[in-house]
PDB file of N, CA and C in Angstrom:
ATOM      1  N   MET A   1     126.930 191.160 -42.385  1.00  0.00           N
ATOM      2  CA  MET A   1     126.537 189.682 -42.148  1.00  0.00           C
ATOM      3  C   MET A   1     126.222 189.239 -41.111  1.00  0.00           C
ATOM      4  N   ASP A   2     126.616 189.383 -39.964  1.00  0.00           N
ATOM      5  CA  ASP A   2     126.603 188.523 -38.792  1.00  0.00           C
ATOM      6  C   ASP A   2     125.471 188.536 -38.927  1.00  0.00           C
ATOM      7  N   LEU A   3     125.120 189.649 -38.430  1.00  0.00           N
ATOM      8  CA  LEU A   3     123.165 190.057 -37.828  1.00  0.00           C
ATOM      9  C   LEU A   3     122.852 189.699 -38.997  1.00  0.00           C
ATOM     10  N   LEU A   4     122.871 189.387 -39.933  1.00  0.00           N
ATOM     11  CA  LEU A   4     121.461 189.326 -40.768  1.00  0.00           C
ATOM     12  C   LEU A   4     121.654 187.596 -40.398  1.00  0.00           C
ATOM     13  N   GLY A   5     122.887 186.519 -40.204  1.00  0.00           N
ATOM     14  CA  GLY A   5     123.042 185.510 -40.399  1.00  0.00           C
ATOM     15  C   GLY A   5     121.736 184.775 -39.416  1.00  0.00           C
ATOM     16  N   ILE A   6     121.994 185.639 -38.273  1.00  0.00           N
ATOM     17  CA  ILE A   6     121.753 185.190 -36.902  1.00  0.00           C
ATOM     18  C   ILE A   6     120.101 185.319 -37.035  1.00  0.00           C
ATOM     19  N   THR A   7     119.814 186.190 -37.606  1.00  0.00           N
ATOM     20  CA  THR A   7     118.525 186.685 -38.040  1.00  0.00           C
ATOM     21  C   THR A   7     117.608 185.400 -38.282  1.00  0.00           C
ATOM     22  N   LEU A   8     118.592 185.734 -39.597  1.00  0.00           N
ATOM     23  CA  LEU A   8     117.726 183.689 -40.681  1.00  0.00           C
ATOM     24  C   LEU A   8     117.864 183.311 -39.498  1.00  0.00           C
ATOM     25  N   LEU A   9     118.937 182.437 -39.208  1.00  0.00           N
ATOM     26  CA  LEU A   9     118.521 181.354 -38.700  1.00  0.00           C
ATOM     27  C   LEU A   9     118.108 181.167 -37.524  1.00  0.00           C
ATOM     28  N   TYR A  10     117.795 182.555 -36.798  1.00  0.00           N
ATOM     29  CA  TYR A  10     116.891 181.937 -35.990  1.00  0.00           C
ATOM     30  C   TYR A  10     114.976 181.991 -36.593  1.00  0.00           C
ATOM     31  N   ILE A  11     114.663 182.864 -36.924  1.00  0.00           N
ATOM     32  CA  ILE A  11     113.522 182.773 -38.249  1.00  0.00           C
ATOM     33  C   ILE A  11     113.227 181.777 -38.648  1.00  0.00           C
ATOM     34  N   LEU A  12     114.240 180.795 -39.180  1.00  0.00           N
ATOM     35  CA  LEU A  12     114.383 179.285 -39.541  1.00  0.00           C
ATOM     36  C   LEU A  12     114.251 178.103 -38.513  1.00  0.00           C
ATOM     37  N   LEU A  13     114.926 178.306 -37.073  1.00  0.00           N
ATOM     38  CA  LEU A  13     115.119 177.318 -36.740  1.00  0.00           C
ATOM     39  C   LEU A  13     114.806 177.474 -35.179  1.00  0.00           C
ATOM     40  N   PHE A  14     113.637 178.808 -35.292  1.00  0.00           N
ATOM     41  CA  PHE A  14     113.439 179.113 -33.993  1.00  0.00           C
ATOM     42  C   PHE A  14     112.182 178.532 -33.810  1.00  0.00           C
ATOM     43  N   LEU A  15     111.359 178.633 -35.286  1.00  0.00           N
ATOM     44  CA  LEU A  15     109.674 178.353 -35.320  1.00  0.00           C
ATOM     45  C   LEU A  15     109.427 177.149 -35.711  1.00  0.00           C
ATOM     46  N   PRO A  16     110.692 176.465 -36.311  1.00  0.00           N
ATOM     47  CA  PRO A  16     109.942 174.757 -36.448  1.00  0.00           C
ATOM     48  C   PRO A  16     110.240 174.367 -34.528  1.00  0.00           C
ATOM     49  N   ILE A  17     111.277 174.702 -33.898  1.00  0.00           N
ATOM     50  CA  ILE A  17     111.913 174.281 -32.741  1.00  0.00           C
ATOM     51  C   ILE A  17     110.248 174.868 -31.763  1.00  0.00           C
ATOM     52  N   PHE A  18     110.042 176.136 -31.742  1.00  0.00           N
ATOM     53  CA  PHE A  18     109.009 176.218 -31.319  1.00  0.00           C
ATOM     54  C   PHE A  18     107.467 175.759 -31.608  1.00  0.00           C
ATOM     55  N   TRP A  19     107.235 175.754 -32.681  1.00  0.00           N
ATOM     56  CA  TRP A  19     105.502 174.496 -33.078  1.00  0.00           C
ATOM     57  C   TRP A  19     106.075 173.508 -32.207  1.00  0.00           C
ATOM     58  N   ILE A  20     107.092 172.830 -32.354  1.00  0.00           N
ATOM     59  CA  ILE A  20     107.069 171.413 -32.387  1.00  0.00           C
ATOM     60  C   ILE A  20     107.022 171.163 -30.277  1.00  0.00           C
ATOM     61  N   PHE A  21     107.662 171.734 -29.983  1.00  0.00           N
ATOM     62  CA  PHE A  21     107.153 172.571 -28.682  1.00  0.00           C
ATOM     63  C   PHE A  21     105.994 172.914 -27.813  1.00  0.00           C
ATOM     64  N   THR A  22     105.119 173.670 -29.169  1.00  0.00           N
ATOM     65  CA  THR A  22     104.010 174.464 -28.499  1.00  0.00           C
ATOM     66  C   THR A  22     102.882 173.360 -28.286  1.00  0.00           C
ATOM     67  N   TYR A  23     103.580 172.768 -30.067  1.00  0.00           N
ATOM     68  CA  TYR A  23     102.037 171.577 -29.642  1.00  0.00           C
ATOM     69  C   TYR A  23     101.638 170.999 -28.659  1.00  0.00           C
ATOM     70  N   PRO A  24     102.199 169.974 -28.515  1.00  0.00           N
ATOM     71  CA  PRO A  24     101.831 169.758 -27.285  1.00  0.00           C
ATOM     72  C   PRO A  24     100.817 170.607 -26.019  1.00  0.00           C
ATOM     73  N   VAL A  25     101.503 171.427 -25.737  1.00  0.00           N
ATOM     74  CA  VAL A  25     100.367 172.338 -24.505  1.00  0.00           C
ATOM     75  C   VAL A  25      99.105 172.824 -25.635  1.00  0.00           C
ATOM     76  N   TYR A  26      99.091 172.887 -26.984  1.00  0.00           N
ATOM     77  CA  TYR A  26      98.287 173.872 -26.995  1.00  0.00           C
ATOM     78  C   TYR A  26      97.113 172.565 -27.223  1.00  0.00           C
ATOM     79  N   TRP A  27      97.846 170.858 -27.662  1.00  0.00           N
ATOM     80  CA  TRP A  27      96.893 170.579 -27.876  1.00  0.00           C
ATOM     81  C   TRP A  27      96.203 169.731 -26.517  1.00  0.00           C
ATOM     82  N   LEU A  28      96.867 169.636 -25.713  1.00  0.00           N
ATOM     83  CA  LEU A  28      96.394 169.697 -24.299  1.00  0.00           C
ATOM     84  C   LEU A  28      95.506 170.949 -23.624  1.00  0.00           C
ATOM     85  N   ASN A  29      95.163 172.034 -24.134  1.00  0.00           N
ATOM     86  CA  ASN A  29      94.596 173.182 -24.025  1.00  0.00           C
ATOM     87  C   ASN A  29      93.086 172.463 -24.588  1.00  0.00           C
ATOM     88  N   LYS A  30      93.374 172.262 -25.734  1.00  0.00           N
ATOM     89  CA  LYS A  30      92.416 171.912 -26.775  1.00  0.00           C
ATOM     90  C   LYS A  30      91.473 170.268 -25.844  1.00  0.00           C
ATOM     91  N   LYS A  31      92.442 169.727 -25.293  1.00  0.00           N
ATOM     92  CA  LYS A  31      91.287 168.583 -25.150  1.00  0.00           C
ATOM     93  C   LYS A  31      90.557 168.836 -24.101  1.00  0.00           C
ATOM     94  N   THR A  32      91.508 169.807 -22.950  1.00  0.00           N
ATOM     95  CA  THR A  32      91.463 170.415 -21.639  1.00  0.00           C
ATOM     96  C   THR A  32      89.451 171.104 -21.990  1.00  0.00           C
ATOM     97  N   LYS A  33      89.880 172.562 -22.458  1.00  0.00           N
ATOM     98  CA  LYS A  33      89.025 173.012 -22.527  1.00  0.00           C
ATOM     99  C   LYS A  33      87.839 173.096 -22.133  1.00  0.00           C
ATOM    100  N   HIS A  34      87.617 172.327 -22.677  1.00  0.00           N
ATOM    101  CA  HIS A  34      85.390 171.981 -23.584  1.00  0.00           C
ATOM    102  C   HIS A  34      85.138 171.270 -21.886  1.00  0.00           C
ATOM    103  N   LYS A  35      85.855 170.589 -21.197  1.00  0.00           N
ATOM    104  CA  LYS A  35      85.933 169.530 -20.584  1.00  0.00           C
ATOM    105  C   LYS A  35      85.892 170.399 -18.933  1.00  0.00           C
ATOM    106  N   LEU A  36      86.194 171.508 -18.948  1.00  0.00           N
ATOM    107  CA  LEU A  36      86.419 172.603 -18.144  1.00  0.00           C
ATOM    108  C   LEU A  36      84.671 172.969 -17.762  1.00  0.00           C
ATOM    109  N   ASN A  37      84.474 173.173 -18.547  1.00  0.00           N
ATOM    110  CA  ASN A  37      82.680 174.366 -18.105  1.00  0.00           C
ATOM    111  C   ASN A  37      82.003 173.479 -17.394  1.00  0.00           C
ATOM    112  N   PRO A  38      81.925 172.182 -18.046  1.00  0.00           N
ATOM    113  CA  PRO A  38      80.785 171.325 -17.501  1.00  0.00           C
ATOM    114  C   PRO A  38      81.316 170.558 -16.532  1.00  0.00           C
ATOM    115  N   PHE A  39      82.619 171.164 -16.229  1.00  0.00           N
ATOM    116  CA  PHE A  39      82.996 170.759 -14.594  1.00  0.00           C
ATOM    117  C   PHE A  39      82.375 171.475 -13.630  1.00  0.00           C
ATOM    118  N   ILE A  40      83.033 172.664 -13.891  1.00  0.00           N
ATOM    119  CA  ILE A  40      82.764 173.914 -13.484  1.00  0.00           C
ATOM    120  C   ILE A  40      81.367 174.076 -12.755  1.00  0.00           C
ATOM    121  N   MET A  41      80.519 173.608 -13.393  1.00  0.00           N
ATOM    122  CA  MET A  41      78.556 173.718 -13.254  1.00  0.00           C
ATOM    123  C   MET A  41      78.359 172.830 -13.083  1.00  0.00           C
ATOM    124  N   SER A  42      78.831 171.975 -12.694  1.00  0.00           N
ATOM    125  CA  SER A  42      78.642 170.513 -12.129  1.00  0.00           C
ATOM    126  C   SER A  42      78.271 170.441 -10.638  1.00  0.00           C
ATOM    127  N   LEU A  43      79.686 171.303 -10.529  1.00  0.00           N
ATOM    128  CA  LEU A  43      79.444 171.836  -9.233  1.00  0.00           C
ATOM    129  C   LEU A  43      78.831 172.051  -8.208  1.00  0.00           C
ATOM    130  N   ARG A  44      77.951 171.120  -6.758  1.00  0.00           N
ATOM    131  CA  ARG A  44      77.035 171.514  -6.185  1.00  0.00           C
ATOM    132  C   ARG A  44      77.836 172.547  -4.853  1.00  0.00           C
ATOM    133  N   LEU A  45      76.716 173.596  -4.581  1.00  0.00           N
ATOM    134  CA  LEU A  45      78.125 174.458  -3.403  1.00  0.00           C
ATOM    135  C   LEU A  45      77.246 175.459  -3.619  1.00  0.00           C
ATOM    136  N   GLU A  46      76.006 174.550  -2.878  1.00  0.00           N
ATOM    137  CA  GLU A  46      74.424 175.663  -2.430  1.00  0.00           C
ATOM    138  C   GLU A  46      75.190 175.780  -0.812  1.00  0.00           C
ATOM    139  N   LEU A  47      75.919 175.195   0.020  1.00  0.00           N
ATOM    140  CA  LEU A  47      76.256 175.200   1.197  1.00  0.00           C
ATOM    141  C   LEU A  47      76.886 176.705   1.547  1.00  0.00           C
ATOM    142  N   LEU A  48      78.150 176.884   0.150  1.00  0.00           N
ATOM    143  CA  LEU A  48      78.502 178.291   0.381  1.00  0.00           C
ATOM    144  C   LEU A  48      77.312 179.305  -0.261  1.00  0.00           C
ATOM    145  N   GLY A  49      76.791 179.063  -0.516  1.00  0.00           N
ATOM    146  CA  GLY A  49      76.262 180.835  -0.824  1.00  0.00           C
ATOM    147  C   GLY A  49      76.149 180.707  -2.313  1.00  0.00           C
ATOM    148  N   SER A  50      75.654 182.022  -3.276  1.00  0.00           N
ATOM    149  CA  SER A  50      75.771 181.883  -4.352  1.00  0.00           C
ATOM    150  C   SER A  50      76.936 182.616  -4.696  1.00  0.00           C
ATOM    151  N   SER A  51      76.979 184.299  -3.844  1.00  0.00           N
ATOM    152  CA  SER A  51      78.071 184.554  -4.647  1.00  0.00           C
ATOM    153  C   SER A  51      79.616 183.960  -4.027  1.00  0.00           C
ATOM    154  N   MET A  52      79.542 182.570  -2.698  1.00  0.00           N
ATOM    155  CA  MET A  52      81.089 182.302  -2.402  1.00  0.00           C
ATOM    156  C   MET A  52      81.290 180.909  -3.951  1.00  0.00           C
ATOM    157  N   SER A  53      80.300 180.660  -3.927  1.00  0.00           N
ATOM    158  CA  SER A  53      79.740 179.189  -5.507  1.00  0.00           C
ATOM    159  C   SER A  53      80.640 180.628  -6.409  1.00  0.00           C
ATOM    160  N   SER A  54      80.138 181.153  -6.745  1.00  0.00           N
ATOM    161  CA  SER A  54      81.118 181.819  -8.198  1.00  0.00           C
ATOM    162  C   SER A  54      82.495 182.599  -7.747  1.00  0.00           C
ATOM    163  N   PHE A  55      82.591 182.827  -6.950  1.00  0.00           N
ATOM    164  CA  PHE A  55      84.014 182.627  -6.639  1.00  0.00           C
ATOM    165  C   PHE A  55      85.041 181.945  -6.322  1.00  0.00           C
ATOM    166  N   PHE A  56      84.614 180.298  -6.449  1.00  0.00           N
ATOM    167  CA  PHE A  56      85.184 179.492  -6.235  1.00  0.00           C
ATOM    168  C   PHE A  56      85.341 179.232  -8.014  1.00  0.00           C
ATOM    169  N   ARG A  57      84.235 179.527  -8.482  1.00  0.00           N
ATOM    170  CA  ARG A  57      83.988 179.157  -9.744  1.00  0.00           C
ATOM    171  C   ARG A  57      85.544 179.844 -10.756  1.00  0.00           C
ATOM    172  N   PHE A  58      85.317 180.927 -10.153  1.00  0.00           N
ATOM    173  CA  PHE A  58      85.919 182.229 -11.354  1.00  0.00           C
ATOM    174  C   PHE A  58      87.521 181.070 -10.357  1.00  0.00           C
ATOM    175  N   LEU A  59      87.489 180.727  -9.581  1.00  0.00           N
ATOM    176  CA  LEU A  59      89.424 180.542  -8.661  1.00  0.00           C
ATOM    177  C   LEU A  59      89.919 179.283  -9.651  1.00  0.00           C
ATOM    178  N   ILE A  60      88.798 178.352  -9.658  1.00  0.00           N
ATOM    179  CA  ILE A  60      88.940 177.347 -10.844  1.00  0.00           C
ATOM    180  C   ILE A  60      89.515 177.492 -11.979  1.00  0.00           C
ATOM    181  N   SER A  61      88.140 178.716 -12.635  1.00  0.00           N
ATOM    182  CA  SER A  61      88.656 178.967 -13.884  1.00  0.00           C
ATOM    183  C   SER A  61      90.436 180.337 -14.251  1.00  0.00           C
ATOM    184  N   GLY A  62      90.228 180.593 -13.472  1.00  0.00           N
ATOM    185  CA  GLY A  62      91.355 180.954 -13.186  1.00  0.00           C
ATOM    186  C   GLY A  62      92.946 180.624 -13.062  1.00  0.00           C
ATOM    187  N   THR A  63      92.692 179.863 -12.083  1.00  0.00           N
ATOM    188  CA  THR A  63      93.961 179.163 -12.002  1.00  0.00           C
ATOM    189  C   THR A  63      94.122 177.899 -13.047  1.00  0.00           C
ATOM    190  N   TYR A  64      93.335 177.863 -13.873  1.00  0.00           N
ATOM    191  CA  TYR A  64      93.364 176.911 -15.128  1.00  0.00           C
ATOM    192  C   TYR A  64      94.379 177.976 -16.396  1.00  0.00           C
ATOM    193  N   ILE A  65      93.754 179.001 -16.275  1.00  0.00           N
ATOM    194  CA  ILE A  65      94.111 180.032 -17.394  1.00  0.00           C
ATOM    195  C   ILE A  65      95.871 180.311 -16.860  1.00  0.00           C
ATOM    196  N   PHE A  66      95.940 180.764 -15.714  1.00  0.00           N
ATOM    197  CA  PHE A  66      97.059 180.884 -15.170  1.00  0.00           C
ATOM    198  C   PHE A  66      97.614 179.635 -15.514  1.00  0.00           C
ATOM    199  N   LEU A  67      97.639 178.390 -15.576  1.00  0.00           N
ATOM    200  CA  LEU A  67      98.632 176.921 -15.650  1.00  0.00           C
ATOM    201  C   LEU A  67      98.756 177.384 -16.961  1.00  0.00           C
ATOM    202  N   PHE A  68      97.674 177.438 -18.455  1.00  0.00           N
ATOM    203  CA  PHE A  68      98.182 177.499 -19.539  1.00  0.00           C
ATOM    204  C   PHE A  68      98.990 177.990 -20.172  1.00  0.00           C
ATOM    205  N   GLY A  69      98.809 179.329 -19.775  1.00  0.00           N
ATOM    206  CA  GLY A  69      99.927 180.702 -19.503  1.00  0.00           C
ATOM    207  C   GLY A  69     100.987 180.453 -19.326  1.00  0.00           C
ATOM    208  N   THR A  70     101.159 179.614 -18.134  1.00  0.00           N
ATOM    209  CA  THR A  70     102.035 179.677 -17.596  1.00  0.00           C
ATOM    210  C   THR A  70     103.557 179.004 -18.351  1.00  0.00           C
ATOM    211  N   PHE A  71     102.651 177.421 -18.465  1.00  0.00           N
ATOM    212  CA  PHE A  71     103.339 176.259 -19.326  1.00  0.00           C
ATOM    213  C   PHE A  71     103.392 177.344 -20.866  1.00  0.00           C
ATOM    214  N   TYR A  72     102.477 178.500 -21.740  1.00  0.00           N
ATOM    215  CA  TYR A  72     103.024 178.994 -22.787  1.00  0.00           C
ATOM    216  C   TYR A  72     103.947 179.574 -22.817  1.00  0.00           C
ATOM    217  N   CYS A  73     104.006 180.670 -21.925  1.00  0.00           N
ATOM    218  CA  CYS A  73     105.654 181.265 -21.546  1.00  0.00           C
ATOM    219  C   CYS A  73     106.970 180.385 -21.057  1.00  0.00           C
ATOM    220  N   PHE A  74     106.685 179.311 -20.779  1.00  0.00           N
ATOM    221  CA  PHE A  74     107.522 178.091 -20.481  1.00  0.00           C
ATOM    222  C   PHE A  74     108.318 177.877 -21.396  1.00  0.00           C
ATOM    223  N   VAL A  75     107.216 177.563 -22.557  1.00  0.00           N
ATOM    224  CA  VAL A  75     107.392 177.044 -23.836  1.00  0.00           C
ATOM    225  C   VAL A  75     108.135 177.838 -24.353  1.00  0.00           C
ATOM    226  N   PHE A  76     107.709 179.654 -24.774  1.00  0.00           N
ATOM    227  CA  PHE A  76     108.660 180.370 -25.323  1.00  0.00           C
ATOM    228  C   PHE A  76     110.018 180.831 -25.054  1.00  0.00           C
ATOM    229  N   PHE A  77     109.924 180.939 -23.936  1.00  0.00           N
ATOM    230  CA  PHE A  77     110.937 181.650 -22.865  1.00  0.00           C
ATOM    231  C   PHE A  77     112.094 180.260 -23.572  1.00  0.00           C
ATOM    232  N   GLY A  78     111.553 179.225 -23.208  1.00  0.00           N
ATOM    233  CA  GLY A  78     113.049 178.133 -23.325  1.00  0.00           C
ATOM    234  C   GLY A  78     113.244 177.656 -24.244  1.00  0.00           C
ATOM    235  N   THR A  79     112.613 177.341 -25.423  1.00  0.00           N
ATOM    236  CA  THR A  79     112.322 177.778 -26.845  1.00  0.00           C
ATOM    237  C   THR A  79     113.103 178.761 -27.251  1.00  0.00           C
ATOM    238  N   LEU A  80     113.375 180.390 -26.826  1.00  0.00           N
ATOM    239  CA  LEU A  80     114.230 181.261 -27.237  1.00  0.00           C
ATOM    240  C   LEU A  80     115.832 181.047 -26.745  1.00  0.00           C
ATOM    241  N   MET A  81     115.432 180.675 -25.549  1.00  0.00           N
ATOM    242  CA  MET A  81     116.931 180.389 -24.569  1.00  0.00           C
ATOM    243  C   MET A  81     117.754 179.434 -25.459  1.00  0.00           C
ATOM    244  N   VAL A  82     117.193 178.152 -25.711  1.00  0.00           N
ATOM    245  CA  VAL A  82     117.658 177.143 -26.134  1.00  0.00           C
ATOM    246  C   VAL A  82     118.161 177.404 -28.322  1.00  0.00           C
ATOM    247  N   THR A  83     117.553 177.768 -28.460  1.00  0.00           N
ATOM    248  CA  THR A  83     117.537 178.562 -29.683  1.00  0.00           C
ATOM    249  C   THR A  83     118.999 179.145 -29.428  1.00  0.00           C
ATOM    250  N   GLY A  84     118.985 180.066 -28.638  1.00  0.00           N
ATOM    251  CA  GLY A  84     119.470 181.692 -28.862  1.00  0.00           C
ATOM    252  C   GLY A  84     120.959 181.116 -28.272  1.00  0.00           C
ATOM    253  N   ASN A  85     121.234 180.200 -27.634  1.00  0.00           N
ATOM    254  CA  ASN A  85     122.471 179.189 -26.731  1.00  0.00           C
ATOM    255  C   ASN A  85     123.506 178.931 -27.989  1.00  0.00           C
ATOM    256  N   PHE A  86     122.334 177.631 -29.307  1.00  0.00           N
ATOM    257  CA  PHE A  86     122.694 176.703 -30.012  1.00  0.00           C
ATOM    258  C   PHE A  86     122.862 177.207 -31.126  1.00  0.00           C
ATOM    259  N   ILE A  87     122.664 179.091 -31.543  1.00  0.00           N
ATOM    260  CA  ILE A  87     122.717 180.084 -33.039  1.00  0.00           C
ATOM    261  C   ILE A  87     123.998 180.798 -32.441  1.00  0.00           C
ATOM    262  N   PHE A  88     124.191 181.102 -31.230  1.00  0.00           N
ATOM    263  CA  PHE A  88     124.889 182.276 -30.708  1.00  0.00           C
ATOM    264  C   PHE A  88     126.667 181.173 -30.816  1.00  0.00           C
ATOM    265  N   SER A  89     126.570 179.955 -30.756  1.00  0.00           N
ATOM    266  CA  SER A  89     127.842 179.496 -30.283  1.00  0.00           C
ATOM    267  C   SER A  89     128.423 178.813 -31.253  1.00  0.00           C
ATOM    268  N   TRP A  90     126.997 178.953 -33.152  1.00  0.00           N
ATOM    269  CA  TRP A  90     127.880 178.583 -34.484  1.00  0.00           C
ATOM    270  C   TRP A  90     128.507 180.069 -34.379  1.00  0.00           C
ATOM    271  N   PHE A  91     128.218 181.582 -33.908  1.00  0.00           N
ATOM    272  CA  PHE A  91     128.970 182.765 -34.142  1.00  0.00           C
ATOM    273  C   PHE A  91     129.879 183.040 -33.163  1.00  0.00           C
ATOM    274  N   ASN A  92     130.344 182.159 -32.504  1.00  0.00           N
ATOM    275  CA  ASN A  92     130.968 182.223 -31.221  1.00  0.00           C
ATOM    276  C   ASN A  92     131.038 183.638 -30.408  1.00  0.00           C
ATOM    277  N   ILE A  93     129.408 184.232 -29.718  1.00  0.00           N
ATOM    278  CA  ILE A  93     129.169 185.336 -29.364  1.00  0.00           C
ATOM    279  C   ILE A  93     129.311 184.763 -27.731  1.00  0.00           C
TER     280      ILE A  93
END
């Protein structure tokens, strides 16, 4: 019964807490995503050449994806640890 109770509490507590902490990251990503492409295309990098200009744009885009991927992972694992510590303290584990 303890394992079933832990699983049920994880489902009932983790998902709402996860949504509460994930939504600001999602909202920020949603607001900035459509502004990134026009910003990258507006960069005038003729001095660097065509291939270096594409590489520089690729680095900016990759940094953006890595940043938000890190945010999402931090929120996921942080919420998992906080919820787990809270639930396991109830069961004295």
